[in-house]
PDB file of N, CA and C in Angstrom:
ATOM      1  N   MET A   1      90.080 126.478  91.405  1.00  0.00           N
ATOM      2  CA  MET A   1      89.732 125.555  90.327  1.00  0.00           C
ATOM      3  C   MET A   1      89.830 126.214  88.958  1.00  0.00           C
ATOM      4  N   HIS A   2      89.928 127.508  88.904  1.00  0.00           N
ATOM      5  CA  HIS A   2      90.023 128.217  87.638  1.00  0.00           C
ATOM      6  C   HIS A   2      91.257 127.776  86.843  1.00  0.00           C
ATOM      7  N   ILE A   3      92.385 127.608  87.517  1.00  0.00           N
ATOM      8  CA  ILE A   3      93.609 127.173  86.831  1.00  0.00           C
ATOM      9  C   ILE A   3      93.420 125.774  86.262  1.00  0.00           C
ATOM     10  N   TRP A   4      92.845 124.867  87.051  1.00  0.00           N
ATOM     11  CA  TRP A   4      92.625 123.498  86.588  1.00  0.00           C
ATOM     12  C   TRP A   4      91.734 123.488  85.344  1.00  0.00           C
ATOM     13  N   ASN A   5      90.696 124.283  85.324  1.00  0.00           N
ATOM     14  CA  ASN A   5      89.815 124.356  84.152  1.00  0.00           C
ATOM     15  C   ASN A   5      90.566 124.858  82.929  1.00  0.00           C
ATOM     16  N   ASN A   6      91.447 125.826  83.100  1.00  0.00           N
ATOM     17  CA  ASN A   6      92.253 126.321  81.982  1.00  0.00           C
ATOM     18  C   ASN A   6      93.183 125.235  81.448  1.00  0.00           C
ATOM     19  N   ILE A   7      93.795 124.475  82.349  1.00  0.00           N
ATOM     20  CA  ILE A   7      94.684 123.386  81.921  1.00  0.00           C
ATOM     21  C   ILE A   7      93.892 122.329  81.165  1.00  0.00           C
ATOM     22  N   LYS A   8      92.740 121.934  81.695  1.00  0.00           N
ATOM     23  CA  LYS A   8      91.908 120.936  81.011  1.00  0.00           C
ATOM     24  C   LYS A   8      91.486 121.426  79.637  1.00  0.00           C
ATOM     25  N   ASP A   9      91.067 122.671  79.546  1.00  0.00           N
ATOM     26  CA  ASP A   9      90.664 123.223  78.250  1.00  0.00           C
ATOM     27  C   ASP A   9      91.819 123.200  77.259  1.00  0.00           C
ATOM     28  N   PHE A  10      93.013 123.555  77.725  1.00  0.00           N
ATOM     29  CA  PHE A  10      94.193 123.543  76.859  1.00  0.00           C
ATOM     30  C   PHE A  10      94.504 122.129  76.385  1.00  0.00           C
ATOM     31  N   LEU A  11      94.534 121.165  77.307  1.00  0.00           N
ATOM     32  CA  LEU A  11      94.881 119.796  76.940  1.00  0.00           C
ATOM     33  C   LEU A  11      93.878 119.189  75.978  1.00  0.00           C
ATOM     34  N   TYR A  12      92.599 119.356  76.241  1.00  0.00           N
ATOM     35  CA  TYR A  12      91.593 118.751  75.373  1.00  0.00           C
ATOM     36  C   TYR A  12      91.478 119.456  74.030  1.00  0.00           C
ATOM     37  N   ASP A  13      92.126 120.596  73.888  1.00  0.00           N
ATOM     38  CA  ASP A  13      92.169 121.283  72.606  1.00  0.00           C
ATOM     39  C   ASP A  13      93.280 120.721  71.718  1.00  0.00           C
ATOM     40  N   GLN A  14      94.155 119.888  72.292  1.00  0.00           N
ATOM     41  CA  GLN A  14      95.261 119.273  71.553  1.00  0.00           C
ATOM     42  C   GLN A  14      94.752 118.038  70.801  1.00  0.00           C
ATOM     43  N   ASN A  15      95.502 117.609  69.786  1.00  0.00           N
ATOM     44  CA  ASN A  15      95.119 116.404  69.054  1.00  0.00           C
ATOM     45  C   ASN A  15      95.199 115.161  69.926  1.00  0.00           C
ATOM     46  N   ASN A  16      96.197 115.103  70.805  1.00  0.00           N
ATOM     47  CA  ASN A  16      96.362 113.985  71.730  1.00  0.00           C
ATOM     48  C   ASN A  16      97.285 114.419  72.855  1.00  0.00           C
ATOM     49  N   PHE A  17      97.249 113.663  73.949  1.00  0.00           N
ATOM     50  CA  PHE A  17      98.164 113.924  75.052  1.00  0.00           C
ATOM     51  C   PHE A  17      98.187 112.744  76.003  1.00  0.00           C
ATOM     52  N   MET A  18      99.226 112.719  76.860  1.00  0.00           N
ATOM     53  CA  MET A  18      99.359 111.737  77.921  1.00  0.00           C
ATOM     54  C   MET A  18      99.560 112.491  79.226  1.00  0.00           C
ATOM     55  N   ALA A  19      98.962 111.985  80.284  1.00  0.00           N
ATOM     56  CA  ALA A  19      99.123 112.575  81.612  1.00  0.00           C
ATOM     57  C   ALA A  19      99.417 111.448  82.597  1.00  0.00           C
ATOM     58  N   MET A  20     100.381 111.684  83.482  1.00  0.00           N
ATOM     59  CA  MET A  20     100.746 110.688  84.500  1.00  0.00           C
ATOM     60  C   MET A  20     100.450 111.249  85.878  1.00  0.00           C
ATOM     61  N   TYR A  21      99.904 110.381  86.746  1.00  0.00           N
ATOM     62  CA  TYR A  21      99.629 110.756  88.126  1.00  0.00           C
ATOM     63  C   TYR A  21      99.347 109.499  88.935  1.00  0.00           C
ATOM     64  N   ASN A  22      99.845 109.452  90.176  1.00  0.00           N
ATOM     65  CA  ASN A  22      99.551 108.357  91.125  1.00  0.00           C
ATOM     66  C   ASN A  22      99.606 106.965  90.498  1.00  0.00           C
ATOM     67  N   LYS A  23     100.725 106.601  89.894  1.00  0.00           N
ATOM     68  CA  LYS A  23     100.888 105.282  89.259  1.00  0.00           C
ATOM     69  C   LYS A  23      99.872 105.027  88.154  1.00  0.00           C
ATOM     70  N   THR A  24      99.388 106.102  87.544  1.00  0.00           N
ATOM     71  CA  THR A  24      98.371 105.996  86.501  1.00  0.00           C
ATOM     72  C   THR A  24      98.797 106.839  85.308  1.00  0.00           C
ATOM     73  N   ILE A  25      98.543 106.325  84.107  1.00  0.00           N
ATOM     74  CA  ILE A  25      98.794 107.106  82.898  1.00  0.00           C
ATOM     75  C   ILE A  25      97.494 107.158  82.100  1.00  0.00           C
ATOM     76  N   TYR A  26      97.178 108.348  81.642  1.00  0.00           N
ATOM     77  CA  TYR A  26      95.980 108.592  80.841  1.00  0.00           C
ATOM     78  C   TYR A  26      96.435 109.013  79.457  1.00  0.00           C
ATOM     79  N   ILE A  27      95.960 108.320  78.432  1.00  0.00           N
ATOM     80  CA  ILE A  27      96.302 108.636  77.047  1.00  0.00           C
ATOM     81  C   ILE A  27      95.018 109.024  76.327  1.00  0.00           C
ATOM     82  N   TYR A  28      95.035 110.217  75.760  1.00  0.00           N
ATOM     83  CA  TYR A  28      93.872 110.755  75.058  1.00  0.00           C
ATOM     84  C   TYR A  28      94.119 110.764  73.559  1.00  0.00           C
ATOM     85  N   ASN A  29      93.197 110.212  72.832  1.00  0.00           N
ATOM     86  CA  ASN A  29      93.172 110.229  71.375  1.00  0.00           C
ATOM     87  C   ASN A  29      94.299 109.412  70.736  1.00  0.00           C
ATOM     88  N   PHE A  30      94.470 108.170  71.204  1.00  0.00           N
ATOM     89  CA  PHE A  30      95.416 107.270  70.534  1.00  0.00           C
ATOM     90  C   PHE A  30      94.733 106.659  69.324  1.00  0.00           C
ATOM     91  N   ASN A  31      95.537 106.167  68.373  1.00  0.00           N
ATOM     92  CA  ASN A  31      94.990 105.616  67.139  1.00  0.00           C
ATOM     93  C   ASN A  31      94.711 104.122  67.207  1.00  0.00           C
ATOM     94  N   ARG A  32      95.635 103.383  67.883  1.00  0.00           N
ATOM     95  CA  ARG A  32      95.489 101.921  67.890  1.00  0.00           C
ATOM     96  C   ARG A  32      96.197 101.331  69.096  1.00  0.00           C
ATOM     97  N   LEU A  33      95.608 100.308  69.677  1.00  0.00           N
ATOM     98  CA  LEU A  33      96.223  99.542  70.752  1.00  0.00           C
ATOM     99  C   LEU A  33      96.884  98.326  70.116  1.00  0.00           C
ATOM    100  N   VAL A  34      98.210  98.191  70.280  1.00  0.00           N
ATOM    101  CA  VAL A  34      98.966  97.121  69.626  1.00  0.00           C
ATOM    102  C   VAL A  34      99.193  95.953  70.572  1.00  0.00           C
ATOM    103  N   THR A  35      99.678  96.230  71.770  1.00  0.00           N
ATOM    104  CA  THR A  35     100.019  95.191  72.747  1.00  0.00           C
ATOM    105  C   THR A  35      99.453  95.578  74.098  1.00  0.00           C
ATOM    106  N   LEU A  36      98.943  94.574  74.798  1.00  0.00           N
ATOM    107  CA  LEU A  36      98.398  94.818  76.124  1.00  0.00           C
ATOM    108  C   LEU A  36      98.650  93.596  76.994  1.00  0.00           C
ATOM    109  N   ASN A  37      99.539  93.731  77.979  1.00  0.00           N
ATOM    110  CA  ASN A  37      99.742  92.684  78.978  1.00  0.00           C
ATOM    111  C   ASN A  37     100.203  93.351  80.274  1.00  0.00           C
ATOM    112  N   SER A  38     100.491  92.570  81.290  1.00  0.00           N
ATOM    113  CA  SER A  38     100.810  93.137  82.604  1.00  0.00           C
ATOM    114  C   SER A  38     102.187  93.796  82.661  1.00  0.00           C
ATOM    115  N   LYS A  39     103.010  93.623  81.618  1.00  0.00           N
ATOM    116  CA  LYS A  39     104.362  94.196  81.587  1.00  0.00           C
ATOM    117  C   LYS A  39     104.532  95.304  80.544  1.00  0.00           C
ATOM    118  N   ASN A  40     103.775  95.237  79.447  1.00  0.00           N
ATOM    119  CA  ASN A  40     103.937  96.186  78.337  1.00  0.00           C
ATOM    120  C   ASN A  40     102.585  96.584  77.752  1.00  0.00           C
ATOM    121  N   ILE A  41     102.493  97.841  77.413  1.00  0.00           N
ATOM    122  CA  ILE A  41     101.357  98.339  76.648  1.00  0.00           C
ATOM    123  C   ILE A  41     101.933  99.183  75.516  1.00  0.00           C
ATOM    124  N   ILE A  42     101.537  98.874  74.298  1.00  0.00           N
ATOM    125  CA  ILE A  42     102.015  99.628  73.137  1.00  0.00           C
ATOM    126  C   ILE A  42     100.802 100.205  72.425  1.00  0.00           C
ATOM    127  N   VAL A  43     100.850 101.521  72.194  1.00  0.00           N
ATOM    128  CA  VAL A  43      99.794 102.198  71.453  1.00  0.00           C
ATOM    129  C   VAL A  43     100.429 102.990  70.315  1.00  0.00           C
ATOM    130  N   ILE A  44      99.643 103.261  69.293  1.00  0.00           N
ATOM    131  CA  ILE A  44     100.061 104.114  68.186  1.00  0.00           C
ATOM    132  C   ILE A  44      99.366 105.455  68.362  1.00  0.00           C
ATOM    133  N   ILE A  45     100.175 106.521  68.352  1.00  0.00           N
ATOM    134  CA  ILE A  45      99.660 107.886  68.436  1.00  0.00           C
ATOM    135  C   ILE A  45     100.282 108.662  67.283  1.00  0.00           C
ATOM    136  N   ASN A  46      99.458 109.129  66.362  1.00  0.00           N
ATOM    137  CA  ASN A  46      99.948 109.877  65.190  1.00  0.00           C
ATOM    138  C   ASN A  46     101.090 109.167  64.476  1.00  0.00           C
ATOM    139  N   ASN A  47     100.893 107.908  64.142  1.00  0.00           N
ATOM    140  CA  ASN A  47     101.887 107.086  63.430  1.00  0.00           C
ATOM    141  C   ASN A  47     103.178 106.891  64.205  1.00  0.00           C
ATOM    142  N   GLN A  48     103.159 107.095  65.503  1.00  0.00           N
ATOM    143  CA  GLN A  48     104.334 106.894  66.349  1.00  0.00           C
ATOM    144  C   GLN A  48     103.972 105.869  67.427  1.00  0.00           C
ATOM    145  N   GLU A  49     104.850 104.868  67.580  1.00  0.00           N
ATOM    146  CA  GLU A  49     104.618 103.837  68.575  1.00  0.00           C
ATOM    147  C   GLU A  49     105.082 104.322  69.943  1.00  0.00           C
ATOM    148  N   VAL A  50     104.244 104.124  70.945  1.00  0.00           N
ATOM    149  CA  VAL A  50     104.578 104.487  72.325  1.00  0.00           C
ATOM    150  C   VAL A  50     104.489 103.214  73.156  1.00  0.00           C
ATOM    151  N   LYS A  51     105.616 102.870  73.818  1.00  0.00           N
ATOM    152  CA  LYS A  51     105.671 101.654  74.633  1.00  0.00           C
ATOM    153  C   LYS A  51     105.762 102.038  76.105  1.00  0.00           C
ATOM    154  N   ILE A  52     104.812 101.546  76.886  1.00  0.00           N
ATOM    155  CA  ILE A  52     104.785 101.761  78.324  1.00  0.00           C
ATOM    156  C   ILE A  52     105.190 100.456  78.982  1.00  0.00           C
ATOM    157  N   THR A  53     106.224 100.504  79.801  1.00  0.00           N
ATOM    158  CA  THR A  53     106.748  99.315  80.466  1.00  0.00           C
ATOM    159  C   THR A  53     106.560  99.465  81.966  1.00  0.00           C
ATOM    160  N   GLY A  54     106.218  98.367  82.624  1.00  0.00           N
ATOM    161  CA  GLY A  54     106.058  98.395  84.069  1.00  0.00           C
ATOM    162  C   GLY A  54     105.683  97.024  84.592  1.00  0.00           C
ATOM    163  N   ASP A  55     105.213  96.999  85.822  1.00  0.00           N
ATOM    164  CA  ASP A  55     104.757  95.772  86.464  1.00  0.00           C
ATOM    165  C   ASP A  55     103.305  95.946  86.889  1.00  0.00           C
ATOM    166  N   ASP A  56     102.573  94.856  86.839  1.00  0.00           N
ATOM    167  CA  ASP A  56     101.169  94.848  87.257  1.00  0.00           C
ATOM    168  C   ASP A  56     100.343  95.923  86.554  1.00  0.00           C
ATOM    169  N   LEU A  57     100.579  96.119  85.259  1.00  0.00           N
ATOM    170  CA  LEU A  57      99.816  97.116  84.500  1.00  0.00           C
ATOM    171  C   LEU A  57      98.400  96.602  84.275  1.00  0.00           C
ATOM    172  N   LYS A  58      97.433  97.453  84.573  1.00  0.00           N
ATOM    173  CA  LYS A  58      96.022  97.103  84.404  1.00  0.00           C
ATOM    174  C   LYS A  58      95.304  98.248  83.702  1.00  0.00           C
ATOM    175  N   VAL A  59      94.415  97.913  82.811  1.00  0.00           N
ATOM    176  CA  VAL A  59      93.599  98.920  82.148  1.00  0.00           C
ATOM    177  C   VAL A  59      92.393  99.214  83.038  1.00  0.00           C
ATOM    178  N   LEU A  60      92.275 100.465  83.461  1.00  0.00           N
ATOM    179  CA  LEU A  60      91.124 100.877  84.273  1.00  0.00           C
ATOM    180  C   LEU A  60      89.954 101.293  83.393  1.00  0.00           C
ATOM    181  N   LYS A  61      90.269 101.888  82.237  1.00  0.00           N
ATOM    182  CA  LYS A  61      89.224 102.331  81.314  1.00  0.00           C
ATOM    183  C   LYS A  61      89.806 102.334  79.910  1.00  0.00           C
ATOM    184  N   CYS A  62      89.002 101.935  78.953  1.00  0.00           N
ATOM    185  CA  CYS A  62      89.444 101.981  77.566  1.00  0.00           C
ATOM    186  C   CYS A  62      88.221 102.244  76.688  1.00  0.00           C
ATOM    187  N   SER A  63      88.369 103.199  75.789  1.00  0.00           N
ATOM    188  CA  SER A  63      87.320 103.476  74.813  1.00  0.00           C
ATOM    189  C   SER A  63      87.978 103.546  73.441  1.00  0.00           C
ATOM    190  N   ASN A  64      87.269 104.042  72.451  1.00  0.00           N
ATOM    191  CA  ASN A  64      87.822 104.114  71.095  1.00  0.00           C
ATOM    192  C   ASN A  64      89.113 104.916  71.020  1.00  0.00           C
ATOM    193  N   ASN A  65      89.225 105.977  71.843  1.00  0.00           N
ATOM    194  CA  ASN A  65      90.396 106.835  71.714  1.00  0.00           C
ATOM    195  C   ASN A  65      91.020 107.237  73.043  1.00  0.00           C
ATOM    196  N   GLU A  66      90.566 106.659  74.147  1.00  0.00           N
ATOM    197  CA  GLU A  66      91.130 106.965  75.457  1.00  0.00           C
ATOM    198  C   GLU A  66      91.466 105.679  76.197  1.00  0.00           C
ATOM    199  N   ILE A  67      92.538 105.710  76.982  1.00  0.00           N
ATOM    200  CA  ILE A  67      92.883 104.562  77.814  1.00  0.00           C
ATOM    201  C   ILE A  67      93.497 105.079  79.113  1.00  0.00           C
ATOM    202  N   ILE A  68      93.131 104.435  80.205  1.00  0.00           N
ATOM    203  CA  ILE A  68      93.720 104.732  81.514  1.00  0.00           C
ATOM    204  C   ILE A  68      94.341 103.441  82.018  1.00  0.00           C
ATOM    205  N   VAL A  69      95.659 103.493  82.310  1.00  0.00           N
ATOM    206  CA  VAL A  69      96.420 102.329  82.752  1.00  0.00           C
ATOM    207  C   VAL A  69      96.994 102.634  84.126  1.00  0.00           C
ATOM    208  N   GLN A  70      96.914 101.637  85.020  1.00  0.00           N
ATOM    209  CA  GLN A  70      97.474 101.807  86.354  1.00  0.00           C
ATOM    210  C   GLN A  70      98.443 100.674  86.638  1.00  0.00           C
ATOM    211  N   GLY A  71      99.500 100.967  87.385  1.00  0.00           N
ATOM    212  CA  GLY A  71     100.480  99.966  87.761  1.00  0.00           C
ATOM    213  C   GLY A  71     101.783 100.632  88.150  1.00  0.00           C
ATOM    214  N   ASN A  72     102.806  99.815  88.315  1.00  0.00           N
ATOM    215  CA  ASN A  72     104.134 100.324  88.644  1.00  0.00           C
ATOM    216  C   ASN A  72     104.837 100.704  87.344  1.00  0.00           C
ATOM    217  N   LEU A  73     104.677 101.948  86.939  1.00  0.00           N
ATOM    218  CA  LEU A  73     105.230 102.434  85.672  1.00  0.00           C
ATOM    219  C   LEU A  73     106.744 102.580  85.788  1.00  0.00           C
ATOM    220  N   LYS A  74     107.461 102.023  84.813  1.00  0.00           N
ATOM    221  CA  LYS A  74     108.930 102.095  84.821  1.00  0.00           C
ATOM    222  C   LYS A  74     109.479 102.975  83.700  1.00  0.00           C
ATOM    223  N   GLU A  75     108.868 102.889  82.513  1.00  0.00           N
ATOM    224  CA  GLU A  75     109.462 103.579  81.361  1.00  0.00           C
ATOM    225  C   GLU A  75     108.410 103.842  80.296  1.00  0.00           C
ATOM    226  N   ILE A  76     108.598 104.958  79.597  1.00  0.00           N
ATOM    227  CA  ILE A  76     107.785 105.273  78.428  1.00  0.00           C
ATOM    228  C   ILE A  76     108.753 105.604  77.308  1.00  0.00           C
ATOM    229  N   LYS A  77     108.645 104.887  76.189  1.00  0.00           N
ATOM    230  CA  LYS A  77     109.535 105.100  75.039  1.00  0.00           C
ATOM    231  C   LYS A  77     108.704 105.410  73.808  1.00  0.00           C
ATOM    232  N   TYR A  78     109.247 106.308  73.000  1.00  0.00           N
ATOM    233  CA  TYR A  78     108.644 106.656  71.718  1.00  0.00           C
ATOM    234  C   TYR A  78     109.496 106.084  70.602  1.00  0.00           C
ATOM    235  N   PHE A  79     108.855 105.473  69.615  1.00  0.00           N
ATOM    236  CA  PHE A  79     109.541 104.923  68.456  1.00  0.00           C
ATOM    237  C   PHE A  79     108.914 105.497  67.191  1.00  0.00           C
ATOM    238  N   GLU A  80     109.702 105.691  66.162  1.00  0.00           N
ATOM    239  CA  GLU A  80     109.152 106.188  64.893  1.00  0.00           C
ATOM    240  C   GLU A  80     108.982 105.055  63.926  1.00  0.00           C
TER     241      GLU A  80
END
Protein backbone atom coordinates (compact mmCIF):
# COMPACT_ATOMS: atom_id res chain seq x y z
CA MET A 1 0.00 0.00 0.00
CA HIS A 2 3.00 2.31 0.29
CA ILE A 3 3.09 2.85 -3.49
CA TRP A 4 -0.64 3.63 -3.60
CA ASN A 5 -0.23 6.23 -0.83
CA ASN A 6 2.61 7.88 -2.76
CA ILE A 7 0.48 8.04 -5.92
CA LYS A 8 -2.47 9.52 -4.01
CA ASP A 9 -0.23 12.10 -2.36
CA PHE A 10 1.23 13.07 -5.74
CA LEU A 11 -2.16 13.37 -7.45
CA TYR A 12 -3.82 15.38 -4.70
CA ASP A 13 -0.86 17.75 -4.73
CA GLN A 14 -1.78 18.71 -8.33
CA ASN A 15 -4.19 21.53 -9.17
CA ASN A 16 -6.54 19.05 -10.86
CA PHE A 17 -6.60 15.59 -12.38
CA MET A 18 -8.77 12.89 -13.94
CA ALA A 19 -8.57 9.18 -13.23
CA MET A 20 -10.34 6.38 -15.12
CA TYR A 21 -11.10 2.91 -13.79
CA ASN A 22 -13.84 0.24 -14.19
CA LYS A 23 -16.13 2.31 -16.46
CA THR A 24 -15.74 5.21 -14.04
CA ILE A 25 -14.05 8.59 -14.37
CA TYR A 26 -13.09 10.74 -11.40
CA ILE A 27 -12.42 14.45 -11.95
CA TYR A 28 -10.77 16.41 -9.16
CA ASN A 29 -10.93 20.18 -8.89
CA PHE A 30 -13.02 21.13 -11.92
CA ASN A 31 -14.22 24.73 -12.21
CA ARG A 32 -17.71 24.38 -13.68
CA LEU A 33 -20.19 21.76 -14.86
CA VAL A 34 -21.59 22.88 -18.24
CA THR A 35 -23.60 19.91 -19.58
CA LEU A 36 -24.88 16.79 -17.91
CA ASN A 37 -26.96 14.09 -19.60
CA SER A 38 -26.76 10.35 -20.25
CA LYS A 39 -24.64 10.85 -23.42
CA ASN A 40 -22.40 13.87 -22.68
CA ILE A 41 -20.80 15.55 -19.71
CA ILE A 42 -18.89 18.79 -20.22
CA VAL A 43 -16.80 20.38 -17.48
CA ILE A 44 -14.43 23.35 -17.42
CA ILE A 45 -10.99 22.69 -15.95
CA ASN A 46 -8.54 25.62 -15.89
CA ASN A 47 -10.42 27.49 -18.65
CA GLN A 48 -10.37 24.38 -20.85
CA GLU A 49 -13.52 22.52 -21.83
CA VAL A 50 -13.45 18.74 -21.36
CA LYS A 51 -16.19 16.69 -23.04
CA ILE A 52 -16.86 13.12 -21.92
CA THR A 53 -18.97 11.10 -24.34
CA GLY A 54 -20.55 7.72 -23.70
CA ASP A 55 -23.74 5.81 -23.03
CA ASP A 56 -25.70 5.51 -19.80
CA LEU A 57 -23.51 8.10 -18.05
CA LYS A 58 -24.53 8.60 -14.43
CA VAL A 59 -23.13 10.86 -11.75
CA LEU A 60 -22.24 8.79 -8.69
CA LYS A 61 -20.95 11.73 -6.66
CA CYS A 62 -20.68 15.45 -7.22
CA SER A 63 -19.44 18.21 -4.96
CA ASN A 64 -18.16 21.75 -5.51
CA ASN A 65 -14.96 20.55 -7.16
CA GLU A 66 -15.18 16.76 -7.58
CA ILE A 67 -17.33 14.54 -9.77
CA ILE A 68 -17.48 10.78 -10.28
CA VAL A 69 -19.21 9.56 -13.45
CA GLN A 70 -19.95 5.96 -14.37
CA GLY A 71 -21.09 4.47 -17.67
CA ASN A 72 -19.89 3.17 -21.00
CA LEU A 73 -17.16 5.74 -21.66
CA LYS A 74 -16.36 6.23 -25.35
CA GLU A 75 -14.30 9.42 -25.68
CA ILE A 76 -12.72 12.29 -23.79
CA LYS A 77 -11.92 15.47 -25.74
CA TYR A 78 -10.20 18.65 -24.68
CA PHE A 79 -11.14 21.99 -26.24
CA GLU A 80 -9.53 25.40 -25.76
